[in-house]
C-alpha atoms as a PDB file:
ATOM      1  CA  MET A   1      -7.380  11.972 -43.169  1.00  0.00           C
ATOM      2  CA  LYS A   2      -6.174  15.326 -44.561  1.00  0.00           C
ATOM      3  CA  ASN A   3      -2.590  14.570 -43.596  1.00  0.00           C
ATOM      4  CA  ILE A   4      -2.704  11.388 -45.381  1.00  0.00           C
ATOM      5  CA  ILE A   5      -4.210  12.782 -48.485  1.00  0.00           C
ATOM      6  CA  PHE A   6      -1.372  15.608 -48.317  1.00  0.00           C
ATOM      7  CA  LEU A   7       1.304  12.990 -47.874  1.00  0.00           C
ATOM      8  CA  ILE A   8       0.072  10.880 -50.955  1.00  0.00           C
ATOM      9  CA  THR A   9      -0.330  14.079 -53.099  1.00  0.00           C
ATOM     10  CA  PHE A  10       3.330  14.956 -52.056  1.00  0.00           C
ATOM     11  CA  ILE A  11       4.841  11.565 -52.604  1.00  0.00           C
ATOM     12  CA  MET A  12       3.225  11.451 -56.060  1.00  0.00           C
ATOM     13  CA  SER A  13       4.644  14.808 -57.021  1.00  0.00           C
ATOM     14  CA  GLN A  14       8.087  13.527 -55.952  1.00  0.00           C
ATOM     15  CA  VAL A  15       7.938  10.164 -57.919  1.00  0.00           C
ATOM     16  CA  ILE A  16       5.797  10.532 -61.020  1.00  0.00           C
ATOM     17  CA  THR A  17       8.850  11.097 -63.224  1.00  0.00           C
ATOM     18  CA  ALA A  18      10.896   8.268 -61.262  1.00  0.00           C
ATOM     19  CA  GLN A  19       7.887   5.940 -61.999  1.00  0.00           C
ATOM     20  CA  SER A  20       7.672   5.998 -65.551  1.00  0.00           C
ATOM     21  CA  TYR A  21       9.037   2.968 -67.584  1.00  0.00           C
ATOM     22  CA  LYS A  22      12.702   3.392 -68.329  1.00  0.00           C
ATOM     23  CA  LYS A  23      15.168   0.783 -70.257  1.00  0.00           C
ATOM     24  CA  SER A  24      17.668   1.379 -67.802  1.00  0.00           C
ATOM     25  CA  GLU A  25      15.675   0.094 -64.773  1.00  0.00           C
ATOM     26  CA  PRO A  26      17.179  -3.062 -63.092  1.00  0.00           C
ATOM     27  CA  PHE A  27      16.100  -6.183 -65.186  1.00  0.00           C
ATOM     28  CA  THR A  28      15.280  -7.966 -61.946  1.00  0.00           C
ATOM     29  CA  HIS A  29      13.042 -10.706 -62.800  1.00  0.00           C
ATOM     30  CA  THR A  30      12.756 -13.301 -59.946  1.00  0.00           C
ATOM     31  CA  TYR A  31      10.601 -14.983 -57.194  1.00  0.00           C
ATOM     32  CA  SER A  32      10.165 -13.380 -53.642  1.00  0.00           C
ATOM     33  CA  ILE A  33       8.126 -13.735 -50.608  1.00  0.00           C
ATOM     34  CA  VAL A  34       6.929 -11.335 -47.929  1.00  0.00           C
ATOM     35  CA  ALA A  35       5.586 -12.752 -44.807  1.00  0.00           C
ATOM     36  CA  ARG A  36       4.891 -12.114 -41.005  1.00  0.00           C
ATOM     37  CA  ASP A  37       5.204 -14.592 -38.066  1.00  0.00           C
ATOM     38  CA  SER A  38       1.734 -14.408 -36.292  1.00  0.00           C
ATOM     39  CA  ILE A  39       3.632 -15.240 -33.145  1.00  0.00           C
ATOM     40  CA  THR A  40       6.444 -12.775 -32.899  1.00  0.00           C
ATOM     41  CA  GLY A  41       5.090 -10.156 -35.121  1.00  0.00           C
ATOM     42  CA  ASP A  42       8.413 -10.254 -37.149  1.00  0.00           C
ATOM     43  CA  MET A  43       7.980  -9.366 -40.713  1.00  0.00           C
ATOM     44  CA  GLY A  44      10.313 -10.753 -43.664  1.00  0.00           C
ATOM     45  CA  VAL A  45      10.924 -10.320 -47.224  1.00  0.00           C
ATOM     46  CA  ALA A  46      13.287 -12.585 -49.259  1.00  0.00           C
ATOM     47  CA  VAL A  47      14.152 -13.137 -52.957  1.00  0.00           C
ATOM     48  CA  GLN A  48      16.191 -15.052 -55.299  1.00  0.00           C
ATOM     49  CA  SER A  49      17.150 -14.108 -59.034  1.00  0.00           C
ATOM     50  CA  HIS A  50      19.523 -14.756 -61.812  1.00  0.00           C
ATOM     51  CA  TRP A  51      20.708 -11.126 -61.204  1.00  0.00           C
ATOM     52  CA  PHE A  52      23.741  -9.709 -59.279  1.00  0.00           C
ATOM     53  CA  SER A  53      22.860  -8.564 -55.790  1.00  0.00           C
ATOM     54  CA  VAL A  54      19.306  -8.864 -56.024  1.00  0.00           C
ATOM     55  CA  GLY A  55      18.855  -7.905 -52.410  1.00  0.00           C
ATOM     56  CA  SER A  56      20.015  -4.262 -53.005  1.00  0.00           C
ATOM     57  CA  VAL A  57      17.295  -3.381 -55.334  1.00  0.00           C
ATOM     58  CA  VAL A  58      14.201  -5.622 -54.343  1.00  0.00           C
ATOM     59  CA  THR A  59      13.876  -6.028 -50.596  1.00  0.00           C
ATOM     60  CA  TYR A  60      12.791  -3.319 -48.224  1.00  0.00           C
ATOM     61  CA  GLY A  61      11.619  -3.110 -44.687  1.00  0.00           C
ATOM     62  CA  LYS A  62      10.880  -1.118 -41.469  1.00  0.00           C
ATOM     63  CA  ALA A  63      10.208  -2.419 -38.128  1.00  0.00           C
ATOM     64  CA  GLY A  64       6.765  -1.304 -36.755  1.00  0.00           C
ATOM     65  CA  VAL A  65       5.456  -0.896 -40.504  1.00  0.00           C
ATOM     66  CA  GLY A  66       6.141  -3.563 -42.972  1.00  0.00           C
ATOM     67  CA  VAL A  67       8.209  -5.002 -45.969  1.00  0.00           C
ATOM     68  CA  VAL A  68       8.212  -4.629 -49.528  1.00  0.00           C
ATOM     69  CA  ALA A  69       9.334  -6.691 -52.521  1.00  0.00           C
ATOM     70  CA  THR A  70       9.609  -4.761 -55.823  1.00  0.00           C
ATOM     71  CA  GLN A  71      10.843  -6.751 -58.848  1.00  0.00           C
ATOM     72  CA  SER A  72      10.542  -7.545 -62.557  1.00  0.00           C
ATOM     73  CA  LEU A  73      11.344  -4.116 -64.323  1.00  0.00           C
ATOM     74  CA  VAL A  74      12.222  -2.917 -60.826  1.00  0.00           C
ATOM     75  CA  ASN A  75      11.136   0.464 -59.691  1.00  0.00           C
ATOM     76  CA  PRO A  76      13.124   0.975 -56.551  1.00  0.00           C
ATOM     77  CA  SER A  77      10.957   3.813 -55.259  1.00  0.00           C
ATOM     78  CA  TYR A  78       7.993   1.371 -54.457  1.00  0.00           C
ATOM     79  CA  GLY A  79      10.200   0.313 -51.531  1.00  0.00           C
ATOM     80  CA  PRO A  80      10.774   3.560 -49.491  1.00  0.00           C
ATOM     81  CA  LYS A  81       7.683   5.229 -50.688  1.00  0.00           C
ATOM     82  CA  GLY A  82       5.492   2.059 -49.799  1.00  0.00           C
ATOM     83  CA  LEU A  83       6.983   2.124 -46.459  1.00  0.00           C
ATOM     84  CA  THR A  84       6.353   5.694 -45.939  1.00  0.00           C
ATOM     85  CA  LEU A  85       2.570   5.358 -46.989  1.00  0.00           C
ATOM     86  CA  MET A  86       1.951   2.394 -44.742  1.00  0.00           C
ATOM     87  CA  GLY A  87       3.758   4.127 -41.803  1.00  0.00           C
ATOM     88  CA  GLU A  88       1.471   6.882 -42.126  1.00  0.00           C
ATOM     89  CA  GLY A  89      -1.606   4.560 -41.829  1.00  0.00           C
ATOM     90  CA  LEU A  90      -2.436   3.473 -45.197  1.00  0.00           C
ATOM     91  CA  SER A  91      -3.152  -0.109 -45.626  1.00  0.00           C
ATOM     92  CA  PRO A  92      -0.980  -2.231 -48.044  1.00  0.00           C
ATOM     93  CA  LYS A  93      -3.901  -2.119 -50.613  1.00  0.00           C
ATOM     94  CA  GLN A  94      -4.143   1.589 -50.291  1.00  0.00           C
ATOM     95  CA  ALA A  95      -0.448   2.314 -50.479  1.00  0.00           C
ATOM     96  CA  LEU A  96       0.156   0.230 -53.567  1.00  0.00           C
ATOM     97  CA  LYS A  97      -2.767   1.274 -55.361  1.00  0.00           C
ATOM     98  CA  ALA A  98      -1.567   4.876 -54.922  1.00  0.00           C
ATOM     99  CA  LEU A  99       1.900   4.170 -56.413  1.00  0.00           C
ATOM    100  CA  ILE A 100       0.626   2.111 -59.332  1.00  0.00           C
ATOM    101  CA  LYS A 101      -1.799   4.753 -60.281  1.00  0.00           C
ATOM    102  CA  ASN A 102       0.858   7.154 -60.950  1.00  0.00           C
ATOM    103  CA  ASP A 103       3.214   4.722 -62.525  1.00  0.00           C
ATOM    104  CA  GLU A 104       3.457   4.603 -66.269  1.00  0.00           C
ATOM    105  CA  GLY A 105       5.271   1.430 -66.211  1.00  0.00           C
ATOM    106  CA  GLU A 106       2.982  -0.312 -63.802  1.00  0.00           C
ATOM    107  CA  MET A 107       2.307  -3.218 -66.573  1.00  0.00           C
ATOM    108  CA  TYR A 108       5.842  -4.222 -66.211  1.00  0.00           C
ATOM    109  CA  ARG A 109       6.038  -4.146 -62.222  1.00  0.00           C
ATOM    110  CA  GLN A 110       5.703  -6.944 -59.898  1.00  0.00           C
ATOM    111  CA  VAL A 111       5.389  -5.606 -56.139  1.00  0.00           C
ATOM    112  CA  ALA A 112       4.221  -6.917 -52.973  1.00  0.00           C
ATOM    113  CA  PHE A 113       3.461  -4.916 -49.637  1.00  0.00           C
ATOM    114  CA  LEU A 114       2.746  -6.554 -46.334  1.00  0.00           C
ATOM    115  CA  ASN A 115       2.189  -4.601 -43.172  1.00  0.00           C
ATOM    116  CA  LYS A 116       2.553  -5.200 -39.352  1.00  0.00           C
ATOM    117  CA  LYS A 117      -0.810  -6.374 -39.121  1.00  0.00           C
ATOM    118  CA  GLY A 118      -0.131  -9.278 -41.738  1.00  0.00           C
ATOM    119  CA  GLN A 119      -2.365  -7.407 -44.374  1.00  0.00           C
ATOM    120  CA  VAL A 120      -0.875  -7.864 -47.891  1.00  0.00           C
ATOM    121  CA  ALA A 121      -1.437  -6.265 -51.331  1.00  0.00           C
ATOM    122  CA  THR A 122       0.384  -7.738 -54.636  1.00  0.00           C
ATOM    123  CA  HIS A 123       0.399  -6.446 -58.103  1.00  0.00           C
ATOM    124  CA  THR A 124       1.447  -8.464 -61.263  1.00  0.00           C
ATOM    125  CA  GLY A 125       1.663  -6.305 -64.341  1.00  0.00           C
ATOM    126  CA  ASN A 126       0.081  -7.644 -67.558  1.00  0.00           C
ATOM    127  CA  LEU A 127       3.208  -7.361 -69.386  1.00  0.00           C
ATOM    128  CA  CYS A 128       5.661  -8.959 -66.975  1.00  0.00           C
ATOM    129  CA  ILE A 129       7.183 -11.889 -68.626  1.00  0.00           C
ATOM    130  CA  GLU A 130       5.583 -15.263 -68.426  1.00  0.00           C
ATOM    131  CA  GLU A 131       5.554 -17.194 -66.630  1.00  0.00           C
ATOM    132  CA  ALA A 132       4.317 -14.821 -63.925  1.00  0.00           C
ATOM    133  CA  GLY A 133       1.975 -14.813 -61.012  1.00  0.00           C
ATOM    134  CA  HIS A 134       1.384 -14.499 -57.456  1.00  0.00           C
ATOM    135  CA  ARG A 135      -0.627 -16.006 -54.543  1.00  0.00           C
ATOM    136  CA  GLN A 136      -1.574 -14.408 -51.345  1.00  0.00           C
ATOM    137  CA  GLY A 137      -2.357 -16.423 -47.798  1.00  0.00           C
ATOM    138  CA  LYS A 138      -2.687 -15.440 -44.137  1.00  0.00           C
ATOM    139  CA  ASN A 139       0.312 -13.261 -43.286  1.00  0.00           C
ATOM    140  CA  PHE A 140       2.039 -13.707 -46.569  1.00  0.00           C
ATOM    141  CA  SER A 141       2.437 -13.245 -50.349  1.00  0.00           C
ATOM    142  CA  VAL A 142       4.430 -15.127 -52.896  1.00  0.00           C
ATOM    143  CA  GLN A 143       5.058 -13.607 -56.356  1.00  0.00           C
ATOM    144  CA  ALA A 144       7.302 -14.541 -59.444  1.00  0.00           C
ATOM    145  CA  ASN A 145       7.934 -13.751 -63.126  1.00  0.00           C
ATOM    146  CA  MET A 146       9.911 -15.015 -65.825  1.00  0.00           C
ATOM    147  CA  MET A 147       9.670 -18.560 -64.415  1.00  0.00           C
ATOM    148  CA  LEU A 148      10.309 -21.701 -66.259  1.00  0.00           C
ATOM    149  CA  ASN A 149       6.899 -23.003 -64.971  1.00  0.00           C
ATOM    150  CA  ASN A 150       3.734 -21.718 -63.832  1.00  0.00           C
ATOM    151  CA  THR A 151       3.675 -23.836 -60.609  1.00  0.00           C
ATOM    152  CA  VAL A 152       6.382 -21.780 -58.728  1.00  0.00           C
ATOM    153  CA  TRP A 153       3.918 -19.477 -56.753  1.00  0.00           C
ATOM    154  CA  ASN A 154       1.657 -21.849 -55.544  1.00  0.00           C
ATOM    155  CA  ALA A 155       4.485 -24.313 -54.478  1.00  0.00           C
ATOM    156  CA  MET A 156       6.124 -21.467 -52.425  1.00  0.00           C
ATOM    157  CA  ALA A 157       2.737 -20.692 -50.779  1.00  0.00           C
ATOM    158  CA  LYS A 158       2.358 -24.402 -49.784  1.00  0.00           C
ATOM    159  CA  ALA A 159       5.597 -24.555 -48.632  1.00  0.00           C
ATOM    160  CA  PHE A 160       5.165 -21.336 -46.359  1.00  0.00           C
ATOM    161  CA  GLU A 161       1.910 -22.663 -44.957  1.00  0.00           C
ATOM    162  CA  THR A 162       3.007 -26.209 -44.080  1.00  0.00           C
ATOM    163  CA  THR A 163       6.576 -25.626 -42.681  1.00  0.00           C
ATOM    164  CA  LYS A 164       7.021 -25.265 -38.968  1.00  0.00           C
ATOM    165  CA  GLY A 165       9.681 -23.425 -37.323  1.00  0.00           C
ATOM    166  CA  SER A 166      10.921 -19.718 -37.180  1.00  0.00           C
ATOM    167  CA  LEU A 167       9.900 -17.003 -40.064  1.00  0.00           C
ATOM    168  CA  SER A 168      13.287 -17.307 -41.357  1.00  0.00           C
ATOM    169  CA  GLU A 169      13.101 -21.144 -41.685  1.00  0.00           C
ATOM    170  CA  ARG A 170       9.492 -21.035 -43.105  1.00  0.00           C
ATOM    171  CA  ILE A 171      10.711 -18.253 -45.827  1.00  0.00           C
ATOM    172  CA  LEU A 172      13.642 -20.543 -46.635  1.00  0.00           C
ATOM    173  CA  ALA A 173      11.476 -23.404 -47.197  1.00  0.00           C
ATOM    174  CA  SER A 174       9.361 -21.066 -49.582  1.00  0.00           C
ATOM    175  CA  LEU A 175      12.423 -20.216 -51.744  1.00  0.00           C
ATOM    176  CA  LYS A 176      13.518 -23.988 -51.814  1.00  0.00           C
ATOM    177  CA  ALA A 177      10.128 -24.639 -53.201  1.00  0.00           C
ATOM    178  CA  ALA A 178      10.583 -22.275 -55.981  1.00  0.00           C
ATOM    179  CA  GLU A 179      14.000 -24.204 -57.017  1.00  0.00           C
ATOM    180  CA  ASN A 180      12.166 -27.197 -56.969  1.00  0.00           C
ATOM    181  CA  GLU A 181       9.790 -26.137 -59.484  1.00  0.00           C
ATOM    182  CA  LYS A 182      12.961 -24.840 -61.472  1.00  0.00           C
ATOM    183  CA  GLY A 183      12.530 -21.132 -60.634  1.00  0.00           C
ATOM    184  CA  ASP A 184      13.932 -18.607 -62.807  1.00  0.00           C
ATOM    185  CA  ILE A 185      14.028 -19.603 -66.546  1.00  0.00           C
ATOM    186  CA  ARG A 186      17.721 -18.015 -66.482  1.00  0.00           C
ATOM    187  CA  GLY A 187      18.873 -20.022 -63.704  1.00  0.00           C
ATOM    188  CA  LYS A 188      20.066 -18.434 -60.347  1.00  0.00           C
ATOM    189  CA  GLN A 189      22.663 -16.009 -59.183  1.00  0.00           C
ATOM    190  CA  SER A 190      21.829 -14.128 -55.722  1.00  0.00           C
ATOM    191  CA  ALA A 191      19.520 -14.290 -53.055  1.00  0.00           C
ATOM    192  CA  ALA A 192      18.581 -12.137 -49.836  1.00  0.00           C
ATOM    193  CA  ILE A 193      16.583 -12.184 -46.673  1.00  0.00           C
ATOM    194  CA  LEU A 194      15.523  -9.155 -44.605  1.00  0.00           C
ATOM    195  CA  ILE A 195      13.664  -9.603 -41.333  1.00  0.00           C
ATOM    196  CA  VAL A 196      12.705  -6.675 -39.097  1.00  0.00           C
ATOM    197  CA  LYS A 197      10.758  -6.656 -35.832  1.00  0.00           C
ATOM    198  CA  GLY A 198       6.812  -6.251 -35.900  1.00  0.00           C
ATOM    199  CA  GLU A 199       7.167  -3.339 -33.256  1.00  0.00           C
ATOM    200  CA  ALA A 200       9.864  -0.643 -33.525  1.00  0.00           C
ATOM    201  CA  THR A 201      11.865  -0.319 -30.405  1.00  0.00           C
ATOM    202  CA  GLY A 202      12.942   3.318 -30.788  1.00  0.00           C
ATOM    203  CA  ASN A 203      16.553   2.049 -31.483  1.00  0.00           C
ATOM    204  CA  SER A 204      17.083   1.387 -35.173  1.00  0.00           C
ATOM    205  CA  TRP A 205      20.167  -0.940 -34.693  1.00  0.00           C
ATOM    206  CA  GLU A 206      17.778  -3.231 -32.409  1.00  0.00           C
ATOM    207  CA  ASP A 207      15.074  -3.235 -35.090  1.00  0.00           C
ATOM    208  CA  THR A 208      16.650  -5.705 -37.598  1.00  0.00           C
ATOM    209  CA  VAL A 209      16.535  -9.372 -36.788  1.00  0.00           C
ATOM    210  CA  MET A 210      18.288 -10.521 -39.923  1.00  0.00           C
ATOM    211  CA  ASP A 211      19.787  -8.912 -42.917  1.00  0.00           C
ATOM    212  CA  LEU A 212      21.802 -11.309 -45.250  1.00  0.00           C
ATOM    213  CA  ARG A 213      22.679 -11.426 -48.875  1.00  0.00           C
ATOM    214  CA  VAL A 214      24.327 -13.712 -51.308  1.00  0.00           C
ATOM    215  CA  GLU A 215      25.554 -11.337 -54.013  1.00  0.00           C
ATOM    216  CA  ASP A 216      26.892 -13.921 -56.405  1.00  0.00           C
ATOM    217  CA  HIS A 217      27.010 -17.700 -55.906  1.00  0.00           C
ATOM    218  CA  GLU A 218      26.207 -20.826 -58.218  1.00  0.00           C
ATOM    219  CA  ASN A 219      23.706 -21.910 -55.623  1.00  0.00           C
ATOM    220  CA  PRO A 220      22.520 -18.898 -53.739  1.00  0.00           C
ATOM    221  CA  ILE A 221      19.675 -20.494 -51.812  1.00  0.00           C
ATOM    222  CA  LYS A 222      21.972 -23.275 -50.533  1.00  0.00           C
ATOM    223  CA  GLU A 223      24.536 -20.519 -49.372  1.00  0.00           C
ATOM    224  CA  LEU A 224      21.491 -18.278 -47.907  1.00  0.00           C
ATOM    225  CA  GLU A 225      20.650 -21.643 -45.942  1.00  0.00           C
ATOM    226  CA  ARG A 226      24.323 -21.912 -44.540  1.00  0.00           C
ATOM    227  CA  LEU A 227      24.450 -18.276 -43.630  1.00  0.00           C
ATOM    228  CA  ILE A 228      21.032 -18.146 -41.637  1.00  0.00           C
ATOM    229  CA  LYS A 229      22.301 -21.435 -39.769  1.00  0.00           C
ATOM    230  CA  ILE A 230      25.549 -19.186 -38.934  1.00  0.00           C
ATOM    231  CA  HIS A 231      23.325 -16.225 -38.039  1.00  0.00           C
ATOM    232  CA  LYS A 232      21.405 -18.166 -35.644  1.00  0.00           C
ATOM    233  CA  ALA A 233      24.687 -19.511 -34.046  1.00  0.00           C
ATOM    234  CA  TYR A 234      25.990 -16.129 -33.630  1.00  0.00           C
ATOM    235  CA  ASP A 235      22.860 -15.085 -31.838  1.00  0.00           C
ATOM    236  CA  PHE A 236      23.618 -17.652 -29.394  1.00  0.00           C
ATOM    237  CA  MET A 237      27.133 -16.097 -29.073  1.00  0.00           C
ATOM    238  CA  ASN A 238      25.986 -12.794 -28.787  1.00  0.00           C
ATOM    239  CA  ASN A 239      23.570 -13.499 -26.210  1.00  0.00           C
ATOM    240  CA  GLY A 240      26.189 -15.574 -24.388  1.00  0.00           C
ATOM    241  CA  ASP A 241      28.428 -12.314 -24.471  1.00  0.00           C
ATOM    242  CA  LEU A 242      25.693 -10.231 -22.916  1.00  0.00           C
ATOM    243  CA  ALA A 243      25.047 -12.929 -20.136  1.00  0.00           C
ATOM    244  CA  MET A 244      28.906 -13.046 -19.488  1.00  0.00           C
ATOM    245  CA  GLU A 245      29.045  -9.297 -19.259  1.00  0.00           C
ATOM    246  CA  ALA A 246      26.003  -9.385 -16.731  1.00  0.00           C
ATOM    247  CA  GLY A 247      28.125 -11.964 -14.483  1.00  0.00           C
ATOM    248  CA  ASN A 248      25.759 -14.866 -15.447  1.00  0.00           C
ATOM    249  CA  SER A 249      28.354 -17.364 -16.447  1.00  0.00           C
ATOM    250  CA  ILE A 250      25.924 -20.253 -16.333  1.00  0.00           C
ATOM    251  CA  GLU A 251      23.394 -18.813 -18.751  1.00  0.00           C
ATOM    252  CA  ALA A 252      26.696 -17.784 -20.866  1.00  0.00           C
ATOM    253  CA  GLU A 253      27.797 -21.327 -20.934  1.00  0.00           C
ATOM    254  CA  LYS A 254      24.524 -22.634 -21.941  1.00  0.00           C
ATOM    255  CA  LEU A 255      24.116 -20.300 -25.049  1.00  0.00           C
ATOM    256  CA  TYR A 256      27.872 -20.660 -26.148  1.00  0.00           C
ATOM    257  CA  LEU A 257      27.216 -24.510 -26.196  1.00  0.00           C
ATOM    258  CA  GLU A 258      24.275 -24.015 -28.252  1.00  0.00           C
ATOM    259  CA  ALA A 259      26.092 -21.887 -30.919  1.00  0.00           C
ATOM    260  CA  GLN A 260      28.774 -24.525 -30.818  1.00  0.00           C
ATOM    261  CA  LYS A 261      26.123 -27.251 -31.937  1.00  0.00           C
ATOM    262  CA  LEU A 262      25.195 -24.940 -34.827  1.00  0.00           C
ATOM    263  CA  PHE A 263      28.647 -24.374 -35.826  1.00  0.00           C
ATOM    264  CA  PRO A 264      31.072 -26.900 -34.546  1.00  0.00           C
ATOM    265  CA  ASN A 265      33.981 -26.372 -36.507  1.00  0.00           C
ATOM    266  CA  ASN A 266      34.287 -22.492 -35.364  1.00  0.00           C
ATOM    267  CA  ILE A 267      37.239 -22.124 -33.158  1.00  0.00           C
ATOM    268  CA  GLU A 268      36.245 -18.918 -31.843  1.00  0.00           C
ATOM    269  CA  MET A 269      32.904 -20.387 -30.516  1.00  0.00           C
ATOM    270  CA  LYS A 270      34.881 -23.201 -29.075  1.00  0.00           C
ATOM    271  CA  TYR A 271      37.299 -20.524 -27.462  1.00  0.00           C
ATOM    272  CA  TRP A 272      34.651 -18.469 -25.528  1.00  0.00           C
ATOM    273  CA  TYR A 273      32.833 -21.743 -24.474  1.00  0.00           C
ATOM    274  CA  ALA A 274      36.256 -22.856 -22.890  1.00  0.00           C
ATOM    275  CA  ILE A 275      36.919 -18.946 -21.347  1.00  0.00           C
ATOM    276  CA  ASN A 276      33.497 -19.170 -19.812  1.00  0.00           C
ATOM    277  CA  LEU A 277      34.180 -22.659 -18.382  1.00  0.00           C
ATOM    278  CA  VAL A 278      37.330 -21.163 -16.467  1.00  0.00           C
ATOM    279  CA  ASN A 279      35.141 -18.319 -15.226  1.00  0.00           C
ATOM    280  CA  ASN A 280      32.787 -20.968 -13.693  1.00  0.00           C
ATOM    281  CA  LYS A 281      35.967 -22.829 -12.352  1.00  0.00           C
ATOM    282  CA  GLU A 282      35.492 -25.835 -14.551  1.00  0.00           C
ATOM    283  CA  PHE A 283      39.426 -25.719 -15.356  1.00  0.00           C
ATOM    284  CA  GLU A 284      39.688 -29.461 -16.013  1.00  0.00           C
ATOM    285  CA  LYS A 285      36.802 -29.280 -18.689  1.00  0.00           C
ATOM    286  CA  ALA A 286      38.186 -26.164 -20.292  1.00  0.00           C
ATOM    287  CA  LYS A 287      41.797 -27.165 -20.510  1.00  0.00           C
ATOM    288  CA  PRO A 288      41.742 -29.692 -23.267  1.00  0.00           C
ATOM    289  CA  ILE A 289      39.678 -27.284 -25.170  1.00  0.00           C
ATOM    290  CA  LEU A 290      42.064 -24.636 -24.817  1.00  0.00           C
ATOM    291  CA  LYS A 291      45.068 -26.624 -25.430  1.00  0.00           C
ATOM    292  CA  SER A 292      43.340 -27.965 -28.807  1.00  0.00           C
ATOM    293  CA  ILE A 293      42.685 -24.087 -29.892  1.00  0.00           C
ATOM    294  CA  PHE A 294      46.066 -23.011 -29.015  1.00  0.00           C
ATOM    295  CA  SER A 295      47.808 -25.762 -31.102  1.00  0.00           C
ATOM    296  CA  LYS A 296      45.895 -24.569 -33.962  1.00  0.00           C
ATOM    297  CA  ASP A 297      46.296 -20.979 -33.597  1.00  0.00           C
ATOM    298  CA  ASN A 298      48.639 -19.562 -30.860  1.00  0.00           C
ATOM    299  CA  ASN A 299      47.018 -15.886 -30.998  1.00  0.00           C
ATOM    300  CA  TRP A 300      44.127 -17.354 -28.989  1.00  0.00           C
ATOM    301  CA  LYS A 301      46.649 -17.903 -26.027  1.00  0.00           C
ATOM    302  CA  LEU A 302      47.906 -14.389 -26.363  1.00  0.00           C
ATOM    303  CA  LEU A 303      44.337 -13.088 -26.143  1.00  0.00           C
ATOM    304  CA  VAL A 304      43.943 -14.849 -22.556  1.00  0.00           C
ATOM    305  CA  PRO A 305      45.815 -12.194 -20.392  1.00  0.00           C
ATOM    306  CA  ARG A 306      44.059  -9.346 -22.317  1.00  0.00           C
ATOM    307  CA  LEU A 307      40.582 -10.676 -21.270  1.00  0.00           C
ATOM    308  CA  VAL A 308      42.029 -10.898 -17.619  1.00  0.00           C
ATOM    309  CA  LYS A 309      42.881  -7.171 -17.951  1.00  0.00           C
ATOM    310  CA  SER A 310      39.717  -6.264 -19.280  1.00  0.00           C
ATOM    311  CA  LYS A 311      37.862  -8.221 -16.385  1.00  0.00           C
ATOM    312  CA  LEU A 312      36.247 -10.597 -18.689  1.00  0.00           C
ATOM    313  CA  LEU A 313      38.258 -13.552 -17.343  1.00  0.00           C
ATOM    314  CA  ILE A 314      38.332 -13.604 -13.509  1.00  0.00           C
ATOM    315  CA  ILE A 315      41.171 -15.807 -12.554  1.00  0.00           C
ATOM    316  CA  SER A 316      44.289 -15.599 -10.198  1.00  0.00           C
ATOM    317  CA  LYS A 317      47.835 -14.873 -11.538  1.00  0.00           C
ATOM    318  CA  ASP A 318      48.686 -18.642 -10.846  1.00  0.00           C
ATOM    319  CA  GLU A 319      45.665 -19.900 -12.657  1.00  0.00           C
ATOM    320  CA  LEU A 320      46.695 -17.522 -15.753  1.00  0.00           C
ATOM    321  CA  LYS A 321      50.223 -19.066 -15.501  1.00  0.00           C
ATOM    322  CA  ASN A 322      48.637 -22.558 -15.736  1.00  0.00           C
ATOM    323  CA  ILE A 323      46.427 -21.542 -18.850  1.00  0.00           C
ATOM    324  CA  MET A 324      49.720 -19.999 -20.531  1.00  0.00           C
ATOM    325  CA  ARG A 325      51.419 -23.401 -20.173  1.00  0.00           C
ATOM    326  CA  LEU A 326      49.045 -25.139 -22.015  1.00  0.00           C
END
């Protein structure tokens, strides 16, 4: 307990000045969601705003700890400081209360914390621009300010609670619901989603499940949806690559095919699927696919012998010659 008290005191001494209201603070009025998947334990935070690169100032997360959304007149220190406090064992309510207590601009802040247990804490300052409000639920909190209508946060909550699917799909549904209620009174510009694992692996590069940003777009939610779909396709591709490296070509073929279903016009996905068919000795099935790819871009043909040299494509010299004649 003494260590936690010392930590809070130290953090407050470092950020009291930074947490005073300043006119230079980002004017990031917006709507956002922090949420946890009760099955996987993954935690996510997502946002949309009529502000450039909103994800760079609003969304924060750390595997095994939690996620943070800090918005309205943004104080970015709520992100790293909140994660530090939750990482030391404070609940979201305790962590948020400690930061708000020492923030002279708290009346302009809108902040949401969620930890790996699914506990949440939300603050909407009384000087946040109307329409402003938030709603909490099991494993989530949604919050919005400067909305055209005061129906936004309830619509977001309902969408998250009733949508089936992965965490990213449920979060996306919540963002779409906000837009269906006309969202930000100023319009739309950028969006972001960050998902981290519920338990840290010890390898930071493995702890981020998804980190996507739409910095400037006429329809950022639609573009974010497209990127989420591509991200899912490339997850299948990456797992296919791992299976291929492990020598499990049957599993790799299955994963590459799943990727193609999500992103059917992507030449590279078709290429690796065909290469894996060749590794499986399914030459007749692979040849028309490779021929079609080579006719569109000959560089993919030039890559084939290089794969043989790297032992990612195991074929005889005669088989290689046949492919190069396509």
